[in-house]
Amino acid sequence: LNLINCALCIWVWLGGLLAVILYRKFARENPELSIGQAIALGGLSGFIGDLVGMGVFIATSALSIPLFNQLARSLQWEGDLPFGTGGMGDVIGTAFVFLIIDAFLYPLFGALGAIIGVSVTKKPREQ
């Protein structure tokens, strides 16, 4: 499951898809979305996911950083450990790097998920 998460950012795609589904469910006047609106909605959901992800990383780093460092030692990693000593400076620095990188990737994948969502949830035309 984590491999899928790392490879495809599947949770961000699903966030964009869910944003479209929820928009269609709760929109009062016009539940139909254009592709441009879906891209904007998915991009916004990806950006919000980036902020939430940074918060989760900071909250769970006390557990995850020692695990990652132990894995690096067991793999006989040469040089510095990938996440430093796990001090608060390392956590904030790593979270900031992830925030900047994901600020570009998450809106992109969220927008792709929303485009898929518009295509999948489109009502068939009446003939």
Foldseek 3Di string as FASTA:
>chain_A
DVVCCVPQVVVLLVQLLVQLVVQLVPPDPDSADDLVRSLVSLLVSLLVVLVVVLVVQLVCLVPVVVVQQVVCVVVVPPDARPQHPSDPVSSVVVSVVSSVVSNPVSSVSRSVSSSVNNVVPPDDDDD
